[in-house]
Amino acid sequence: MGIPICPRCRDEQEAIFQEVKKYVQEHPGADIMEVSEECNVEPGQIRQWIREDRLQFAEDSPIRIPCEKCGTMMRSGRFCDKCTAEMVGGFKQITQRAQPKPEPKPALRTSEKDKMRFL
């Protein structure tokens, strides 16, 4: 999310983002440093947009960032597919353990007088 910014600064940053996005689309082989220099944007800002999944690149693009958990190089986001799957599995286990198990219902005991009779 980042730090809160005023509407005017947000609009300026969005205009810069759109310029970067257009440059990346027109120059699919560009790396982060080239995009940074051509668009006058800090490489860290470009990496942040990549982590936020705002910038998308072609499969053959040289732009990659490391997974925050294992370091595997990937095209966008914070975590690679493998680490995401592991975290989702862990969250499922935690939530399943946290849910109370239903108590077994006591068995109904019937006597002869409670049974249905046919004539």
Protein backbone atom coordinates (compact mmCIF):
# COMPACT_ATOMS: atom_id res chain seq x y z
CA MET A 1 0.00 0.00 0.00
CA GLY A 2 2.73 2.46 0.87
CA ILE A 3 2.43 5.70 2.76
CA PRO A 4 -0.68 7.85 2.37
CA ILE A 5 -0.25 10.72 -0.09
CA CYS A 6 -2.33 13.73 -1.02
CA PRO A 7 -4.66 13.53 -4.05
CA ARG A 8 -2.46 15.85 -6.16
CA CYS A 9 0.68 13.78 -5.50
CA ARG A 10 -1.27 10.57 -6.13
CA ASP A 11 -2.42 11.93 -9.51
CA GLU A 12 1.16 12.92 -10.39
CA GLN A 13 2.41 9.48 -9.42
CA GLU A 14 -0.34 7.82 -11.46
CA ALA A 15 0.67 9.88 -14.52
CA ILE A 16 4.28 8.72 -14.07
CA PHE A 17 3.07 5.13 -13.68
CA GLN A 18 1.12 5.38 -16.95
CA GLU A 19 4.23 6.72 -18.70
CA VAL A 20 6.29 3.79 -17.37
CA LYS A 21 3.60 1.31 -18.35
CA LYS A 22 3.49 2.71 -21.90
CA TYR A 23 7.28 2.58 -22.18
CA VAL A 24 7.35 -1.05 -21.00
CA GLN A 25 4.68 -1.99 -23.56
CA GLU A 26 6.55 -0.27 -26.37
CA HIS A 27 9.97 -1.67 -25.30
CA PRO A 28 9.33 -5.23 -24.07
CA GLY A 29 13.05 -6.04 -23.86
CA ALA A 30 13.90 -3.13 -21.56
CA ASP A 31 15.33 -3.85 -18.12
CA ILE A 32 14.59 -1.94 -14.91
CA MET A 33 17.59 0.40 -15.26
CA GLU A 34 16.65 1.36 -18.82
CA VAL A 35 13.03 2.01 -17.84
CA SER A 36 14.25 3.99 -14.84
CA GLU A 37 16.56 6.19 -16.92
CA GLU A 38 14.15 6.73 -19.82
CA CYS A 39 11.16 7.55 -17.60
CA ASN A 40 13.12 9.35 -14.86
CA VAL A 41 11.74 7.03 -12.15
CA GLU A 42 13.66 5.40 -9.32
CA PRO A 43 14.28 1.66 -9.83
CA GLY A 44 12.79 1.07 -6.37
CA GLN A 45 9.50 2.62 -7.48
CA ILE A 46 9.41 0.35 -10.53
CA ARG A 47 10.07 -2.68 -8.30
CA GLN A 48 7.24 -1.59 -6.01
CA TRP A 49 4.82 -1.45 -8.96
CA ILE A 50 6.01 -4.90 -10.00
CA ARG A 51 5.44 -6.26 -6.46
CA GLU A 52 1.95 -4.71 -6.47
CA ASP A 53 1.22 -6.53 -9.79
CA ARG A 54 0.57 -3.19 -11.48
CA LEU A 55 3.21 -3.67 -14.18
CA GLN A 56 3.07 -6.70 -16.43
CA PHE A 57 5.83 -7.95 -18.68
CA ALA A 58 6.16 -10.32 -21.60
CA GLU A 59 7.35 -13.88 -20.86
CA ASP A 60 10.71 -13.14 -22.46
CA SER A 61 11.25 -9.89 -20.57
CA PRO A 62 14.50 -9.69 -18.62
CA ILE A 63 12.72 -8.01 -15.72
CA ARG A 64 12.47 -10.30 -12.70
CA ILE A 65 12.24 -9.72 -8.95
CA PRO A 66 12.98 -12.15 -6.12
CA CYS A 67 10.28 -13.90 -4.09
CA GLU A 68 10.25 -12.34 -0.61
CA LYS A 69 10.29 -15.79 1.00
CA CYS A 70 12.63 -18.03 -1.01
CA GLY A 71 14.37 -15.66 -3.43
CA THR A 72 13.22 -17.41 -6.62
CA MET A 73 13.17 -14.93 -9.47
CA MET A 74 9.66 -14.17 -10.75
CA ARG A 75 7.84 -11.72 -13.01
CA SER A 76 5.61 -9.96 -10.47
CA GLY A 77 4.05 -10.10 -7.02
CA ARG A 78 5.57 -10.68 -3.60
CA PHE A 79 5.72 -14.48 -3.46
CA CYS A 80 6.34 -17.18 -6.06
CA ASP A 81 3.65 -19.76 -6.85
CA LYS A 82 5.31 -22.42 -4.68
CA CYS A 83 5.57 -20.19 -1.60
CA THR A 84 2.02 -18.90 -2.12
CA ALA A 85 0.71 -22.48 -2.23
CA GLU A 86 2.64 -23.35 0.95
CA MET A 87 1.27 -20.31 2.77
CA VAL A 88 -2.30 -21.03 1.65
CA GLY A 89 -1.94 -24.63 2.86
CA GLY A 90 -0.61 -23.38 6.20
CA PHE A 91 -3.46 -20.91 6.59
CA LYS A 92 -5.99 -23.67 5.84
CA GLN A 93 -4.45 -25.88 8.53
CA ILE A 94 -4.51 -23.06 11.07
CA THR A 95 -8.14 -22.18 10.37
CA GLN A 96 -9.19 -25.83 10.49
CA ARG A 97 -7.54 -26.24 13.89
CA ALA A 98 -9.11 -23.03 15.14
CA GLN A 99 -12.65 -24.10 14.27
CA PRO A 100 -14.35 -25.91 17.14
CA LYS A 101 -15.25 -29.48 16.37
CA PRO A 102 -18.94 -30.21 16.65
CA GLU A 103 -19.86 -32.17 19.74
CA PRO A 104 -21.38 -35.55 19.04
CA LYS A 105 -25.11 -35.68 19.58
CA PRO A 106 -26.20 -38.04 22.30
CA ALA A 107 -27.77 -41.20 21.00
CA LEU A 108 -31.54 -41.23 21.18
CA ARG A 109 -32.85 -43.95 23.37
CA THR A 110 -36.20 -45.31 22.44
CA SER A 111 -38.42 -47.45 24.51
CA GLU A 112 -41.22 -49.72 23.38
CA LYS A 113 -43.82 -47.08 24.17
CA ASP A 114 -42.06 -44.44 21.96
CA LYS A 115 -42.16 -46.63 18.83
CA MET A 116 -44.72 -46.15 16.08
CA ARG A 117 -47.44 -48.79 15.87
CA PHE A 118 -49.44 -49.92 12.89
CA LEU A 119 -52.91 -51.49 13.02
